[in-house]
Amino acid sequence: MEIFRDLILREIKDLAGVDASKLFDMGLLTLDQARKWLVREKYFQMKKPGKTFTDIKYELSDEFGISVSAIEKLIYRR
């Protein structure tokens, strides 16, 4: 789980330019919340170059270790 946490921290730093480690340490941000935000952000970034939703879903599923249906719910449900 620590490797996954480091991956999420690195992704947040790359996308938002924020060091989120203090937020995790203080309990203000959970891995689940961060992963959901990252999936949504990466989806909208990947959508711009014209990739299909199916391709994006499978890429994000592999990258974050969550099901394709979970990604669909994250994108279309708020």
PDB file of N, CA and C in Angstrom:
ATOM      1  N   MET A   1       0.823  -1.192   0.000  1.00  0.00           N
ATOM      2  CA  MET A   1       0.000   0.000   0.000  1.00  0.00           C
ATOM      3  C   MET A   1       0.868   1.258   0.000  1.00  0.00           C
ATOM      4  N   GLU A   2       2.054   1.171   0.573  1.00  0.00           N
ATOM      5  CA  GLU A   2       2.950   2.326   0.620  1.00  0.00           C
ATOM      6  C   GLU A   2       3.417   2.714  -0.784  1.00  0.00           C
ATOM      7  N   ILE A   3       3.637   1.729  -1.648  1.00  0.00           N
ATOM      8  CA  ILE A   3       4.037   2.008  -3.026  1.00  0.00           C
ATOM      9  C   ILE A   3       2.910   2.735  -3.748  1.00  0.00           C
ATOM     10  N   PHE A   4       1.685   2.291  -3.518  1.00  0.00           N
ATOM     11  CA  PHE A   4       0.521   2.922  -4.137  1.00  0.00           C
ATOM     12  C   PHE A   4       0.379   4.354  -3.637  1.00  0.00           C
ATOM     13  N   ARG A   5       0.627   4.580  -2.360  1.00  0.00           N
ATOM     14  CA  ARG A   5       0.559   5.935  -1.787  1.00  0.00           C
ATOM     15  C   ARG A   5       1.587   6.842  -2.448  1.00  0.00           C
ATOM     16  N   ASP A   6       2.791   6.337  -2.632  1.00  0.00           N
ATOM     17  CA  ASP A   6       3.844   7.123  -3.279  1.00  0.00           C
ATOM     18  C   ASP A   6       3.484   7.448  -4.726  1.00  0.00           C
ATOM     19  N   LEU A   7       2.880   6.499  -5.423  1.00  0.00           N
ATOM     20  CA  LEU A   7       2.442   6.737  -6.799  1.00  0.00           C
ATOM     21  C   LEU A   7       1.408   7.855  -6.846  1.00  0.00           C
ATOM     22  N   ILE A   8       0.442   7.806  -5.943  1.00  0.00           N
ATOM     23  CA  ILE A   8      -0.602   8.823  -5.900  1.00  0.00           C
ATOM     24  C   ILE A   8      -0.006  10.190  -5.556  1.00  0.00           C
ATOM     25  N   LEU A   9       0.899  10.224  -4.589  1.00  0.00           N
ATOM     26  CA  LEU A   9       1.542  11.497  -4.232  1.00  0.00           C
ATOM     27  C   LEU A   9       2.303  12.092  -5.413  1.00  0.00           C
ATOM     28  N   ARG A  10       3.000  11.250  -6.156  1.00  0.00           N
ATOM     29  CA  ARG A  10       3.753  11.706  -7.315  1.00  0.00           C
ATOM     30  C   ARG A  10       2.808  12.232  -8.401  1.00  0.00           C
ATOM     31  N   GLU A  11       1.713  11.524  -8.628  1.00  0.00           N
ATOM     32  CA  GLU A  11       0.745  11.949  -9.641  1.00  0.00           C
ATOM     33  C   GLU A  11       0.107  13.296  -9.269  1.00  0.00           C
ATOM     34  N   ILE A  12      -0.237  13.467  -7.999  1.00  0.00           N
ATOM     35  CA  ILE A  12      -0.824  14.733  -7.551  1.00  0.00           C
ATOM     36  C   ILE A  12       0.183  15.865  -7.741  1.00  0.00           C
ATOM     37  N   LYS A  13       1.428  15.603  -7.408  1.00  0.00           N
ATOM     38  CA  LYS A  13       2.479  16.608  -7.573  1.00  0.00           C
ATOM     39  C   LYS A  13       2.615  16.994  -9.045  1.00  0.00           C
ATOM     40  N   ASP A  14       2.563  15.998  -9.945  1.00  0.00           N
ATOM     41  CA  ASP A  14       2.702  16.266 -11.380  1.00  0.00           C
ATOM     42  C   ASP A  14       1.508  17.041 -11.934  1.00  0.00           C
ATOM     43  N   LEU A  15       0.300  16.659 -11.537  1.00  0.00           N
ATOM     44  CA  LEU A  15      -0.904  17.271 -12.099  1.00  0.00           C
ATOM     45  C   LEU A  15      -1.249  18.620 -11.473  1.00  0.00           C
ATOM     46  N   ALA A  16      -1.103  18.703 -10.155  1.00  0.00           N
ATOM     47  CA  ALA A  16      -1.560  19.913  -9.461  1.00  0.00           C
ATOM     48  C   ALA A  16      -0.421  20.763  -8.914  1.00  0.00           C
ATOM     49  N   GLY A  17       0.778  20.210  -8.869  1.00  0.00           N
ATOM     50  CA  GLY A  17       1.901  20.957  -8.327  1.00  0.00           C
ATOM     51  C   GLY A  17       1.846  21.119  -6.818  1.00  0.00           C
ATOM     52  N   VAL A  18       1.139  20.192  -6.152  1.00  0.00           N
ATOM     53  CA  VAL A  18       0.943  20.273  -4.707  1.00  0.00           C
ATOM     54  C   VAL A  18       1.560  19.049  -4.040  1.00  0.00           C
ATOM     55  N   ASP A  19       2.254  19.264  -2.925  1.00  0.00           N
ATOM     56  CA  ASP A  19       2.767  18.150  -2.126  1.00  0.00           C
ATOM     57  C   ASP A  19       1.669  17.727  -1.156  1.00  0.00           C
ATOM     58  N   ALA A  20       1.012  16.625  -1.446  1.00  0.00           N
ATOM     59  CA  ALA A  20      -0.139  16.195  -0.661  1.00  0.00           C
ATOM     60  C   ALA A  20       0.234  15.309   0.526  1.00  0.00           C
ATOM     61  N   SER A  21       1.503  15.048   0.745  1.00  0.00           N
ATOM     62  CA  SER A  21       1.896  14.141   1.824  1.00  0.00           C
ATOM     63  C   SER A  21       1.450  14.644   3.193  1.00  0.00           C
ATOM     64  N   LYS A  22       1.497  15.947   3.406  1.00  0.00           N
ATOM     65  CA  LYS A  22       1.060  16.496   4.695  1.00  0.00           C
ATOM     66  C   LYS A  22      -0.442  16.316   4.879  1.00  0.00           C
ATOM     67  N   LEU A  23      -1.191  16.422   3.788  1.00  0.00           N
ATOM     68  CA  LEU A  23      -2.647  16.212   3.869  1.00  0.00           C
ATOM     69  C   LEU A  23      -2.971  14.778   4.259  1.00  0.00           C
ATOM     70  N   PHE A  24      -2.214  13.826   3.723  1.00  0.00           N
ATOM     71  CA  PHE A  24      -2.398  12.422   4.106  1.00  0.00           C
ATOM     72  C   PHE A  24      -2.036  12.216   5.569  1.00  0.00           C
ATOM     73  N   ASP A  25      -0.899  12.771   5.967  1.00  0.00           N
ATOM     74  CA  ASP A  25      -0.413  12.584   7.341  1.00  0.00           C
ATOM     75  C   ASP A  25      -1.381  13.170   8.374  1.00  0.00           C
ATOM     76  N   MET A  26      -2.035  14.284   8.023  1.00  0.00           N
ATOM     77  CA  MET A  26      -2.965  14.923   8.947  1.00  0.00           C
ATOM     78  C   MET A  26      -4.363  14.296   8.899  1.00  0.00           C
ATOM     79  N   GLY A  27      -4.586  13.405   7.942  1.00  0.00           N
ATOM     80  CA  GLY A  27      -5.880  12.759   7.823  1.00  0.00           C
ATOM     81  C   GLY A  27      -6.921  13.576   7.084  1.00  0.00           C
ATOM     82  N   LEU A  28      -6.484  14.635   6.409  1.00  0.00           N
ATOM     83  CA  LEU A  28      -7.411  15.482   5.669  1.00  0.00           C
ATOM     84  C   LEU A  28      -7.733  14.915   4.289  1.00  0.00           C
ATOM     85  N   LEU A  29      -6.902  14.011   3.808  1.00  0.00           N
ATOM     86  CA  LEU A  29      -7.087  13.406   2.493  1.00  0.00           C
ATOM     87  C   LEU A  29      -6.802  11.916   2.607  1.00  0.00           C
ATOM     88  N   THR A  30      -7.713  11.110   2.062  1.00  0.00           N
ATOM     89  CA  THR A  30      -7.506   9.657   2.069  1.00  0.00           C
ATOM     90  C   THR A  30      -7.018   9.212   0.696  1.00  0.00           C
ATOM     91  N   LEU A  31      -6.454   8.016   0.639  1.00  0.00           N
ATOM     92  CA  LEU A  31      -6.006   7.473  -0.630  1.00  0.00           C
ATOM     93  C   LEU A  31      -7.169   7.337  -1.606  1.00  0.00           C
ATOM     94  N   ASP A  32      -8.320   6.943  -1.097  1.00  0.00           N
ATOM     95  CA  ASP A  32      -9.490   6.761  -1.946  1.00  0.00           C
ATOM     96  C   ASP A  32      -9.929   8.086  -2.565  1.00  0.00           C
ATOM     97  N   GLN A  33      -9.970   9.137  -1.769  1.00  0.00           N
ATOM     98  CA  GLN A  33     -10.343  10.459  -2.288  1.00  0.00           C
ATOM     99  C   GLN A  33      -9.340  10.938  -3.336  1.00  0.00           C
ATOM    100  N   ALA A  34      -8.064  10.753  -3.047  1.00  0.00           N
ATOM    101  CA  ALA A  34      -7.017  11.194  -3.969  1.00  0.00           C
ATOM    102  C   ALA A  34      -7.085  10.410  -5.273  1.00  0.00           C
ATOM    103  N   ARG A  35      -7.309   9.120  -5.172  1.00  0.00           N
ATOM    104  CA  ARG A  35      -7.396   8.286  -6.375  1.00  0.00           C
ATOM    105  C   ARG A  35      -8.586   8.702  -7.238  1.00  0.00           C
ATOM    106  N   LYS A  36      -9.715   8.991  -6.608  1.00  0.00           N
ATOM    107  CA  LYS A  36     -10.891   9.433  -7.361  1.00  0.00           C
ATOM    108  C   LYS A  36     -10.602  10.740  -8.099  1.00  0.00           C
ATOM    109  N   TRP A  37      -9.966  11.674  -7.413  1.00  0.00           N
ATOM    110  CA  TRP A  37      -9.631  12.948  -8.044  1.00  0.00           C
ATOM    111  C   TRP A  37      -8.680  12.730  -9.217  1.00  0.00           C
ATOM    112  N   LEU A  38      -7.668  11.881  -9.007  1.00  0.00           N
ATOM    113  CA  LEU A  38      -6.696  11.623 -10.066  1.00  0.00           C
ATOM    114  C   LEU A  38      -7.346  10.984 -11.290  1.00  0.00           C
ATOM    115  N   VAL A  39      -8.243  10.036 -11.067  1.00  0.00           N
ATOM    116  CA  VAL A  39      -8.913   9.374 -12.193  1.00  0.00           C
ATOM    117  C   VAL A  39      -9.694  10.400 -13.003  1.00  0.00           C
ATOM    118  N   ARG A  40     -10.446  11.253 -12.315  1.00  0.00           N
ATOM    119  CA  ARG A  40     -11.222  12.278 -13.027  1.00  0.00           C
ATOM    120  C   ARG A  40     -10.308  13.239 -13.800  1.00  0.00           C
ATOM    121  N   GLU A  41      -9.258  13.706 -13.155  1.00  0.00           N
ATOM    122  CA  GLU A  41      -8.339  14.643 -13.796  1.00  0.00           C
ATOM    123  C   GLU A  41      -7.658  14.024 -15.017  1.00  0.00           C
ATOM    124  N   LYS A  42      -7.173  12.803 -14.847  1.00  0.00           N
ATOM    125  CA  LYS A  42      -6.493  12.146 -15.952  1.00  0.00           C
ATOM    126  C   LYS A  42      -7.462  11.843 -17.089  1.00  0.00           C
ATOM    127  N   TYR A  43      -8.702  11.502 -16.749  1.00  0.00           N
ATOM    128  CA  TYR A  43      -9.699  11.246 -17.787  1.00  0.00           C
ATOM    129  C   TYR A  43      -9.866  12.486 -18.664  1.00  0.00           C
ATOM    130  N   PHE A  44     -10.075  13.637 -18.045  1.00  0.00           N
ATOM    131  CA  PHE A  44     -10.309  14.848 -18.819  1.00  0.00           C
ATOM    132  C   PHE A  44      -9.071  15.284 -19.602  1.00  0.00           C
ATOM    133  N   GLN A  45      -7.884  14.982 -19.104  1.00  0.00           N
ATOM    134  CA  GLN A  45      -6.669  15.275 -19.856  1.00  0.00           C
ATOM    135  C   GLN A  45      -6.529  14.347 -21.057  1.00  0.00           C
ATOM    136  N   MET A  46      -6.845  13.066 -20.844  1.00  0.00           N
ATOM    137  CA  MET A  46      -6.714  12.086 -21.918  1.00  0.00           C
ATOM    138  C   MET A  46      -7.806  12.265 -22.973  1.00  0.00           C
ATOM    139  N   LYS A  47      -8.924  12.823 -22.584  1.00  0.00           N
ATOM    140  CA  LYS A  47     -10.049  13.016 -23.488  1.00  0.00           C
ATOM    141  C   LYS A  47      -9.741  14.069 -24.551  1.00  0.00           C
ATOM    142  N   LYS A  48      -8.982  15.064 -24.197  1.00  0.00           N
ATOM    143  CA  LYS A  48      -8.690  16.169 -25.114  1.00  0.00           C
ATOM    144  C   LYS A  48      -7.992  15.732 -26.407  1.00  0.00           C
ATOM    145  N   PRO A  49      -6.984  14.859 -26.349  1.00  0.00           N
ATOM    146  CA  PRO A  49      -6.326  14.472 -27.611  1.00  0.00           C
ATOM    147  C   PRO A  49      -7.210  13.632 -28.540  1.00  0.00           C
ATOM    148  N   GLY A  50      -8.390  13.256 -28.117  1.00  0.00           N
ATOM    149  CA  GLY A  50      -9.292  12.535 -29.003  1.00  0.00           C
ATOM    150  C   GLY A  50      -9.330  11.036 -28.803  1.00  0.00           C
ATOM    151  N   LYS A  51      -8.824  10.537 -27.698  1.00  0.00           N
ATOM    152  CA  LYS A  51      -8.927   9.105 -27.413  1.00  0.00           C
ATOM    153  C   LYS A  51     -10.380   8.747 -27.148  1.00  0.00           C
ATOM    154  N   THR A  52     -10.713   7.506 -27.405  1.00  0.00           N
ATOM    155  CA  THR A  52     -12.081   7.067 -27.134  1.00  0.00           C
ATOM    156  C   THR A  52     -12.242   6.794 -25.645  1.00  0.00           C
ATOM    157  N   PHE A  53     -13.491   6.875 -25.187  1.00  0.00           N
ATOM    158  CA  PHE A  53     -13.771   6.630 -23.773  1.00  0.00           C
ATOM    159  C   PHE A  53     -13.387   5.212 -23.384  1.00  0.00           C
ATOM    160  N   THR A  54     -13.583   4.269 -24.277  1.00  0.00           N
ATOM    161  CA  THR A  54     -13.238   2.876 -23.994  1.00  0.00           C
ATOM    162  C   THR A  54     -11.739   2.733 -23.757  1.00  0.00           C
ATOM    163  N   ASP A  55     -10.925   3.323 -24.612  1.00  0.00           N
ATOM    164  CA  ASP A  55      -9.467   3.258 -24.441  1.00  0.00           C
ATOM    165  C   ASP A  55      -9.036   3.898 -23.127  1.00  0.00           C
ATOM    166  N   ILE A  56      -9.611   5.045 -22.826  1.00  0.00           N
ATOM    167  CA  ILE A  56      -9.263   5.759 -21.598  1.00  0.00           C
ATOM    168  C   ILE A  56      -9.646   4.939 -20.372  1.00  0.00           C
ATOM    169  N   LYS A  57     -10.834   4.343 -20.378  1.00  0.00           N
ATOM    170  CA  LYS A  57     -11.289   3.536 -19.237  1.00  0.00           C
ATOM    171  C   LYS A  57     -10.324   2.399 -18.949  1.00  0.00           C
ATOM    172  N   TYR A  58      -9.907   1.690 -19.998  1.00  0.00           N
ATOM    173  CA  TYR A  58      -9.010   0.556 -19.785  1.00  0.00           C
ATOM    174  C   TYR A  58      -7.622   0.997 -19.328  1.00  0.00           C
ATOM    175  N   GLU A  59      -7.128   2.099 -19.850  1.00  0.00           N
ATOM    176  CA  GLU A  59      -5.827   2.615 -19.409  1.00  0.00           C
ATOM    177  C   GLU A  59      -5.866   3.013 -17.936  1.00  0.00           C
ATOM    178  N   LEU A  60      -6.909   3.740 -17.555  1.00  0.00           N
ATOM    179  CA  LEU A  60      -7.032   4.164 -16.152  1.00  0.00           C
ATOM    180  C   LEU A  60      -7.255   2.974 -15.232  1.00  0.00           C
ATOM    181  N   SER A  61      -7.987   1.996 -15.688  1.00  0.00           N
ATOM    182  CA  SER A  61      -8.223   0.790 -14.895  1.00  0.00           C
ATOM    183  C   SER A  61      -6.908   0.087 -14.588  1.00  0.00           C
ATOM    184  N   ASP A  62      -6.057  -0.050 -15.601  1.00  0.00           N
ATOM    185  CA  ASP A  62      -4.750  -0.679 -15.399  1.00  0.00           C
ATOM    186  C   ASP A  62      -3.852   0.157 -14.495  1.00  0.00           C
ATOM    187  N   GLU A  63      -3.858   1.450 -14.723  1.00  0.00           N
ATOM    188  CA  GLU A  63      -2.958   2.329 -13.972  1.00  0.00           C
ATOM    189  C   GLU A  63      -3.302   2.411 -12.490  1.00  0.00           C
ATOM    190  N   PHE A  64      -4.598   2.478 -12.165  1.00  0.00           N
ATOM    191  CA  PHE A  64      -4.999   2.684 -10.779  1.00  0.00           C
ATOM    192  C   PHE A  64      -5.552   1.440 -10.097  1.00  0.00           C
ATOM    193  N   GLY A  65      -5.638   0.338 -10.816  1.00  0.00           N
ATOM    194  CA  GLY A  65      -6.069  -0.916 -10.204  1.00  0.00           C
ATOM    195  C   GLY A  65      -7.519  -0.922  -9.767  1.00  0.00           C
ATOM    196  N   ILE A  66      -8.384  -0.258 -10.533  1.00  0.00           N
ATOM    197  CA  ILE A  66      -9.805  -0.288 -10.225  1.00  0.00           C
ATOM    198  C   ILE A  66     -10.560  -0.740 -11.469  1.00  0.00           C
ATOM    199  N   SER A  67     -11.763  -1.200 -11.268  1.00  0.00           N
ATOM    200  CA  SER A  67     -12.523  -1.759 -12.379  1.00  0.00           C
ATOM    201  C   SER A  67     -12.985  -0.682 -13.354  1.00  0.00           C
ATOM    202  N   VAL A  68     -13.283  -1.125 -14.552  1.00  0.00           N
ATOM    203  CA  VAL A  68     -13.777  -0.223 -15.584  1.00  0.00           C
ATOM    204  C   VAL A  68     -15.112   0.378 -15.148  1.00  0.00           C
ATOM    205  N   SER A  69     -15.966  -0.415 -14.537  1.00  0.00           N
ATOM    206  CA  SER A  69     -17.261   0.108 -14.089  1.00  0.00           C
ATOM    207  C   SER A  69     -17.087   1.162 -12.994  1.00  0.00           C
ATOM    208  N   ALA A  70     -16.089   0.998 -12.136  1.00  0.00           N
ATOM    209  CA  ALA A  70     -15.820   2.009 -11.101  1.00  0.00           C
ATOM    210  C   ALA A  70     -15.375   3.323 -11.748  1.00  0.00           C
ATOM    211  N   ILE A  71     -14.604   3.230 -12.808  1.00  0.00           N
ATOM    212  CA  ILE A  71     -14.179   4.433 -13.518  1.00  0.00           C
ATOM    213  C   ILE A  71     -15.375   5.122 -14.151  1.00  0.00           C
ATOM    214  N   GLU A  72     -16.269   4.344 -14.745  1.00  0.00           N
ATOM    215  CA  GLU A  72     -17.488   4.924 -15.336  1.00  0.00           C
ATOM    216  C   GLU A  72     -18.287   5.677 -14.273  1.00  0.00           C
ATOM    217  N   LYS A  73     -18.403   5.091 -13.095  1.00  0.00           N
ATOM    218  CA  LYS A  73     -19.143   5.746 -12.016  1.00  0.00           C
ATOM    219  C   LYS A  73     -18.454   7.025 -11.568  1.00  0.00           C
ATOM    220  N   LEU A  74     -17.131   7.005 -11.491  1.00  0.00           N
ATOM    221  CA  LEU A  74     -16.384   8.193 -11.084  1.00  0.00           C
ATOM    222  C   LEU A  74     -16.555   9.346 -12.081  1.00  0.00           C
ATOM    223  N   ILE A  75     -16.591   9.013 -13.336  1.00  0.00           N
ATOM    224  CA  ILE A  75     -16.670  10.046 -14.367  1.00  0.00           C
ATOM    225  C   ILE A  75     -18.084  10.606 -14.491  1.00  0.00           C
ATOM    226  N   TYR A  76     -19.083   9.730 -14.479  1.00  0.00           N
ATOM    227  CA  TYR A  76     -20.440  10.171 -14.784  1.00  0.00           C
ATOM    228  C   TYR A  76     -21.317  10.444 -13.573  1.00  0.00           C
ATOM    229  N   ARG A  77     -20.930  10.001 -12.414  1.00  0.00           N
ATOM    230  CA  ARG A  77     -21.697  10.290 -11.197  1.00  0.00           C
ATOM    231  C   ARG A  77     -20.890  11.208 -10.317  1.00  0.00           C
ATOM    232  N   ARG A  78     -21.556  12.097  -9.669  1.00  0.00           N
ATOM    233  CA  ARG A  78     -20.866  13.047  -8.776  1.00  0.00           C
ATOM    234  C   ARG A  78     -21.212  12.796  -7.387  1.00  0.00           C
TER     235      ARG A  78
END
